[in-house]
Protein backbone atom coordinates (compact mmCIF):
# COMPACT_ATOMS: atom_id res chain seq x y z
CA MET A 1 225.67 281.25 41.68
CA GLN A 2 228.93 281.23 39.70
CA GLN A 3 229.14 282.03 36.00
CA VAL A 4 231.10 279.61 33.82
CA VAL A 5 232.12 280.74 30.33
CA ILE A 6 233.42 278.15 27.90
CA LEU A 7 235.83 279.73 25.39
CA GLY A 8 234.82 278.06 22.06
CA PHE A 9 236.78 278.09 18.85
CA ASP A 10 236.70 276.34 15.46
CA GLY A 11 238.31 272.83 15.66
CA ALA A 12 237.34 272.19 19.27
CA LEU A 13 236.19 268.87 20.58
CA ALA A 14 232.40 269.20 20.78
CA SER A 15 231.98 267.11 23.89
CA ALA A 16 234.54 269.28 25.76
CA ILE A 17 232.16 272.15 25.22
CA THR A 18 228.73 270.51 25.51
CA GLY A 19 229.80 268.06 28.24
CA VAL A 20 231.23 270.77 30.43
CA ALA A 21 228.14 272.89 29.82
CA ASP A 22 225.87 270.03 30.86
CA LEU A 23 227.89 269.14 33.89
CA PHE A 24 227.95 272.63 35.37
CA ALA A 25 224.35 273.44 34.35
CA MET A 26 222.98 270.26 35.98
CA ALA A 27 224.93 270.53 39.23
CA GLY A 28 222.24 270.85 41.92
CA VAL A 29 219.60 269.81 39.40
CA SER A 30 219.87 266.13 38.26
CA TRP A 31 220.50 264.61 41.70
CA ASN A 32 217.80 266.78 43.30
CA ARG A 33 215.21 265.68 40.72
CA ILE A 34 216.19 261.95 41.22
CA GLN A 35 215.73 262.41 44.94
CA GLN A 36 212.55 264.46 44.47
CA GLN A 37 214.20 267.40 46.25
CA HIS A 38 214.05 271.11 45.53
CA VAL A 39 216.20 272.02 42.49
CA GLN A 40 218.97 274.49 43.29
CA ARG A 41 221.09 275.46 40.27
CA ARG A 42 224.71 276.17 41.17
CA PHE A 43 226.14 277.66 37.97
CA THR A 44 225.12 279.60 34.94
CA VAL A 45 226.88 278.53 31.71
CA LYS A 46 227.67 280.50 28.54
CA VAL A 47 229.66 279.72 25.41
CA ALA A 48 231.80 282.44 23.95
CA SER A 49 233.52 282.61 20.58
CA PRO A 50 235.98 285.05 18.94
CA ASP A 51 233.21 287.14 17.33
CA GLY A 52 230.08 285.90 19.02
CA GLN A 53 229.21 283.57 16.02
CA ALA A 54 228.82 279.91 15.99
CA VAL A 55 231.92 277.76 16.41
CA ARG A 56 232.41 274.67 14.14
CA CYS A 57 233.65 271.73 16.07
CA ILE A 58 235.92 269.03 14.74
CA ASN A 59 232.93 266.72 14.19
CA GLY A 60 231.16 269.28 12.01
CA LEU A 61 228.73 270.24 14.71
CA GLU A 62 228.15 274.00 14.93
CA LEU A 63 227.52 275.43 18.39
CA GLN A 64 225.89 278.88 18.74
CA ALA A 65 227.81 281.23 21.08
CA HIS A 66 226.15 283.51 23.63
CA CYS A 67 228.72 286.26 23.26
CA ALA A 68 232.15 287.27 21.88
CA TYR A 69 235.22 287.05 24.07
CA HIS A 70 235.32 290.84 24.49
CA GLU A 71 231.78 290.84 25.78
CA ILE A 72 232.43 288.48 28.71
CA LYS A 73 231.66 290.12 32.00
CA ASN A 74 231.75 288.88 35.57
CA ALA A 75 232.94 285.40 34.75
CA ASP A 76 234.03 283.29 37.71
CA ILE A 77 235.43 280.34 35.65
CA LEU A 78 236.82 280.38 32.12
CA VAL A 79 237.08 276.97 30.49
CA VAL A 80 239.27 276.32 27.49
CA PRO A 81 238.11 273.04 25.73
CA THR A 82 240.17 270.48 23.90
CA ILE A 83 241.88 271.32 20.55
CA ALA A 84 240.83 268.46 18.23
CA ALA A 85 242.08 269.94 14.95
CA PRO A 86 245.83 270.33 14.19
CA ILE A 87 247.14 272.07 17.28
CA LEU A 88 249.54 274.58 15.76
CA GLU A 89 247.05 275.62 13.12
CA VAL A 90 244.36 276.23 15.76
CA LEU A 91 246.76 278.27 17.93
CA GLU A 92 247.72 280.44 14.93
CA GLN A 93 244.08 281.00 13.95
CA ASN A 94 243.02 282.03 17.47
CA ARG A 95 245.33 284.80 18.58
CA SER A 96 242.39 286.70 20.06
CA LEU A 97 241.82 283.82 22.47
CA ILE A 98 245.44 283.88 23.54
CA GLU A 99 245.29 287.63 24.15
CA PHE A 100 242.04 287.28 26.06
CA LEU A 101 243.66 284.68 28.32
CA LYS A 102 246.60 287.02 29.09
CA THR A 103 244.10 289.72 30.18
CA ALA A 104 241.99 287.32 32.28
CA HIS A 105 245.14 286.06 33.96
CA THR A 106 246.11 289.57 35.05
CA GLN A 107 242.65 289.82 36.65
CA ALA A 108 243.17 286.51 38.52
CA ILE A 109 240.07 284.91 37.00
CA LEU A 110 240.01 281.16 37.46
CA ILE A 111 241.18 279.61 34.15
CA ALA A 112 240.70 275.96 33.48
CA GLY A 113 242.12 274.24 30.35
CA ASN A 114 241.25 270.75 29.20
CA CYS A 115 243.57 268.35 27.43
CA THR A 116 245.26 269.99 24.40
CA GLY A 117 243.36 273.14 25.22
CA ASN A 118 246.16 273.71 27.72
CA PHE A 119 248.41 274.60 24.74
CA PHE A 120 246.38 277.83 24.64
CA LEU A 121 247.29 278.58 28.22
CA ALA A 122 250.93 277.85 27.61
CA GLU A 123 250.94 279.93 24.42
CA ALA A 124 249.63 282.84 26.46
CA GLY A 125 252.53 282.43 28.83
CA ILE A 126 250.31 281.98 31.87
CA LEU A 127 251.77 278.51 32.63
CA ASP A 128 255.33 279.64 32.75
CA ASP A 129 256.97 278.27 35.89
CA ARG A 130 253.66 276.60 36.91
CA VAL A 131 252.78 273.01 37.33
CA ALA A 132 250.54 271.82 34.46
CA THR A 133 249.33 268.74 32.70
CA THR A 134 248.03 267.91 29.20
CA HIS A 135 246.99 264.84 27.20
CA TRP A 136 249.73 262.24 27.68
CA GLY A 137 249.96 261.66 23.90
CA PHE A 138 251.01 265.26 23.32
CA GLN A 139 253.44 265.70 26.21
CA ASP A 140 256.58 265.63 24.08
CA MET A 141 255.25 268.31 21.72
CA PHE A 142 254.20 270.38 24.76
CA ARG A 143 257.55 270.11 26.45
CA LEU A 144 259.44 271.04 23.33
CA ARG A 145 257.32 274.05 22.66
CA TYR A 146 256.96 275.26 26.26
CA PRO A 147 260.10 274.24 28.23
CA GLN A 148 259.44 276.76 30.91
CA VAL A 149 256.25 275.03 32.08
CA LYS A 150 256.54 272.38 34.85
CA LEU A 151 254.70 269.72 32.94
CA ASN A 152 253.58 266.55 34.72
CA ALA A 153 251.58 264.59 32.18
CA ASP A 154 250.90 261.78 34.73
CA LEU A 155 248.43 264.07 36.46
CA MET A 156 244.78 263.99 35.63
CA ILE A 157 244.25 267.46 37.24
CA SER A 158 246.83 270.07 38.11
CA ARG A 159 246.31 273.24 40.00
CA ASP A 160 248.70 276.22 40.44
CA GLN A 161 246.97 279.10 42.15
CA HIS A 162 244.00 280.17 39.99
CA ILE A 163 244.97 277.99 36.96
CA TYR A 164 243.73 274.50 36.51
CA CYS A 165 244.65 271.98 33.79
CA ALA A 166 243.08 268.63 32.99
CA GLY A 167 244.70 265.68 31.13
CA GLY A 168 243.03 263.58 28.42
CA GLY A 169 240.16 264.40 26.08
CA LEU A 170 237.28 263.42 28.39
CA ALA A 171 239.04 264.70 31.51
CA TRP A 172 236.61 267.59 31.28
CA PHE A 173 234.38 265.77 33.72
CA ASP A 174 237.24 265.30 36.18
CA LEU A 175 237.89 268.99 35.86
CA GLY A 176 234.23 269.91 36.17
CA LEU A 177 233.65 267.78 39.29
CA HIS A 178 236.84 269.17 40.80
CA LEU A 179 235.56 272.75 40.37
CA ILE A 180 232.10 271.82 41.55
CA GLU A 181 233.64 270.55 44.75
CA ARG A 182 235.79 273.65 45.13
CA PHE A 183 232.80 276.03 44.95
CA HIS A 184 230.01 273.89 46.43
CA GLY A 185 231.68 271.13 48.37
CA PHE A 186 232.27 267.35 48.11
CA GLU A 187 228.69 266.36 48.58
CA VAL A 188 227.41 268.31 45.57
CA ALA A 189 230.35 267.06 43.47
CA MET A 190 229.62 263.47 44.43
CA GLN A 191 225.92 263.91 43.77
CA SER A 192 226.76 265.24 40.32
CA ALA A 193 229.05 262.28 39.63
CA LYS A 194 226.45 259.79 40.66
CA SER A 195 223.65 261.43 38.62
CA PHE A 196 225.89 261.40 35.57
CA VAL A 197 227.16 257.86 36.37
CA ILE A 198 230.82 258.77 36.13
CA ASP A 199 233.85 258.01 38.29
CA TYR A 200 235.10 260.78 40.58
CA ARG A 201 238.63 261.62 41.63
CA ARG A 202 240.68 259.81 39.02
CA ASP A 203 244.14 261.01 39.94
CA SER A 204 246.37 259.82 37.15
CA GLN A 205 246.61 259.37 33.37
CA LEU A 206 249.23 256.62 33.74
CA SER A 207 246.88 253.72 33.23
CA TYR A 208 245.65 255.24 29.90
CA SER A 209 248.97 256.14 28.43
CA LEU A 210 251.23 253.95 26.32
CA LEU A 211 254.55 253.14 28.02
CA LYS A 212 257.20 254.77 25.89
CA ILE A 213 259.82 252.11 25.24
CA GLY A 214 262.68 253.84 23.50
CA LYS A 215 262.94 256.24 20.62
CA PRO A 216 264.47 256.20 17.17
CA HIS A 217 268.24 256.06 17.12
CA GLN A 218 271.22 254.83 15.04
CA ASP A 219 273.18 252.79 17.53
CA GLU A 220 273.39 249.22 16.13
CA LEU A 221 274.60 247.72 19.44
CA VAL A 222 271.72 249.16 21.35
CA GLN A 223 269.25 248.02 18.68
CA LYS A 224 270.63 244.41 18.86
CA VAL A 225 270.24 244.49 22.63
CA GLN A 226 266.66 245.86 22.30
CA ASP A 227 265.78 243.10 19.91
CA TRP A 228 267.22 240.46 22.22
CA LEU A 229 265.41 241.91 25.29
CA GLN A 230 262.13 242.01 23.36
CA GLN A 231 262.38 238.27 22.81
CA ASN A 232 263.80 237.32 26.22
CA PHE A 233 262.44 239.84 28.74
CA ASP A 234 260.92 236.94 30.83
CA ARG A 235 264.41 235.40 31.46
CA ASN A 236 266.14 235.86 34.74
CA PHE A 237 269.56 237.49 34.18
CA VAL A 238 271.79 240.32 35.47
CA LEU A 239 273.17 243.27 33.66
CA ASP A 240 276.74 241.95 33.70
CA GLU A 241 275.58 238.80 31.84
CA LEU A 242 273.77 240.90 29.22
CA ALA A 243 276.92 242.96 28.64
CA ASP A 244 279.11 239.85 28.28
CA GLN A 245 276.66 238.43 25.73
CA PHE A 246 277.28 241.40 23.46
CA ASN A 247 281.03 241.67 24.18
CA VAL A 248 280.99 245.06 25.95
CA THR A 249 281.48 246.18 29.51
CA THR A 250 278.55 246.86 31.72
CA ARG A 251 279.63 250.41 31.94
CA THR A 252 279.71 250.81 28.11
CA LEU A 253 276.30 249.16 27.78
CA ILE A 254 274.71 251.61 30.28
CA ARG A 255 276.35 254.57 28.59
CA ARG A 256 275.31 253.55 25.12
CA PHE A 257 271.72 252.96 26.26
CA LYS A 258 271.51 256.39 27.95
CA GLN A 259 272.94 258.05 24.86
CA ALA A 260 270.50 256.31 22.51
CA LEU A 261 267.32 255.97 24.59
CA ASP A 262 267.75 258.31 27.58
CA VAL A 263 267.23 255.37 29.90
CA PRO A 264 269.59 252.66 31.33
CA PRO A 265 269.05 249.03 30.28
CA ASN A 266 267.35 248.01 33.49
CA GLN A 267 264.68 250.68 33.18
CA TYR A 268 264.15 249.72 29.48
CA LEU A 269 263.70 246.09 30.62
CA GLN A 270 261.13 247.17 33.23
CA ALA A 271 259.11 249.10 30.67
CA ILE A 272 259.02 246.04 28.33
CA ARG A 273 257.96 243.77 31.16
CA ILE A 274 255.25 246.09 32.46
CA GLU A 275 253.91 246.60 28.92
CA ALA A 276 253.82 242.82 28.52
CA ALA A 277 251.98 242.48 31.84
CA ARG A 278 249.45 245.09 30.80
CA LYS A 279 248.66 243.20 27.60
CA ARG A 280 248.23 239.92 29.48
CA LEU A 281 245.89 241.60 32.02
CA GLU A 282 243.90 243.09 29.15
CA GLU A 283 243.75 239.97 26.93
CA THR A 284 243.74 236.98 29.25
CA ASP A 285 242.15 235.83 32.46
CA GLN A 286 245.38 234.52 33.94
CA ALA A 287 245.91 234.93 37.63
CA VAL A 288 248.08 237.94 38.50
CA ASP A 289 250.82 235.70 39.92
CA LEU A 290 251.03 233.76 36.59
CA VAL A 291 251.14 237.06 34.64
CA MET A 292 253.92 238.22 36.91
CA GLN A 293 255.97 235.04 36.25
CA HIS A 294 255.35 235.16 32.49
CA VAL A 295 256.90 238.66 32.32
CA GLY A 296 259.99 237.79 34.39
CA TYR A 297 259.20 238.65 38.00
CA GLN A 298 259.25 236.37 40.95
CA ASP A 299 258.37 238.55 43.96
CA PRO A 300 254.63 239.45 44.04
CA SER A 301 255.00 242.52 46.29
CA SER A 302 257.86 243.98 44.19
CA PHE A 303 255.82 243.39 41.01
CA ARG A 304 252.73 245.03 42.40
CA ARG A 305 254.64 248.02 43.63
CA LEU A 306 256.35 248.49 40.26
CA PHE A 307 253.15 248.02 38.31
CA HIS A 308 251.36 250.59 40.46
CA ARG A 309 254.21 253.01 40.06
CA LYS A 310 254.16 252.73 36.30
CA THR A 311 250.39 252.68 35.69
CA GLY A 312 248.88 254.27 38.78
CA LEU A 313 246.72 251.10 39.39
CA THR A 314 247.21 247.70 41.03
CA PRO A 315 247.18 244.78 38.55
CA LEU A 316 243.66 243.87 39.62
CA GLU A 317 242.39 247.48 39.31
CA TYR A 318 244.03 247.64 35.84
CA ARG A 319 242.29 244.37 34.77
CA ARG A 320 238.91 245.54 36.01
CA ARG A 321 239.17 248.79 34.02
CA PHE A 322 240.76 247.58 30.74
CA SER A 323 240.37 243.85 30.31
CA GLN A 324 238.29 242.11 27.59
CA ARG A 325 235.00 240.67 28.82
CA PHE A 326 235.37 236.90 28.70
């Protein structure tokens, strides 16, 4: 039986502590009870805090700890929950957690961070030159602060040796199921997912993230082109025609876009079209082929490949997951 210790701190997301605790504690229990089989617990779970006292979560809930960080012994899995309070403030107020992670890393204990909790791992330096993920909404902040980390915020779960990272706020259940499978196999993980009625093996955060279409800049030409594209993205045209319309060469248009937005015009146009397609899939019951035509594409196979690359889902899968119920 493995021991899981959740490293609590003030300002954490409560569900990223209590949810993880429930998931591990009930592995081998819930499903077995449903099937009227012998209960076989797979994990013991404890919550630790800097001083062994209760932690106050962002929702005001206080959770009692079993022990202080320095009292942790024989842990097989250390879990760092989501930071829900201002991230930099929480990091500064919890230097003891950062130091503890450094020590645990030298002992090769399995360390698993969830969502913005991965900022703690990066702050401790244990993600340097490693593949990691974090919540898609904080990836720019993460990259700026930790350029030495190989961040891939598209991933729902990353693993680099004994260090695991999970993406968005409720990705703790993806992380927990992944670790249940690692220690006790696919069948136990799937049974846990079924008993909790949650999806298993979500691979990507792409379908949840907002497509980033540009950034603030001062280039008037690029802004004018952006405005025109926003109103005419469904039209069929080539880049040379767009450049002629604004009295610049194609080469100049590409260069100015890259300088202002870090992407060329064709990629910018793709982002606008895919975002428009997402909204139509969410808000209407139009057939996928009609959605495709409304956003400027004519080839169904090309549209589906592009949509899948940008969101991680097919158009129909995206609609099933995110559409309004008509």
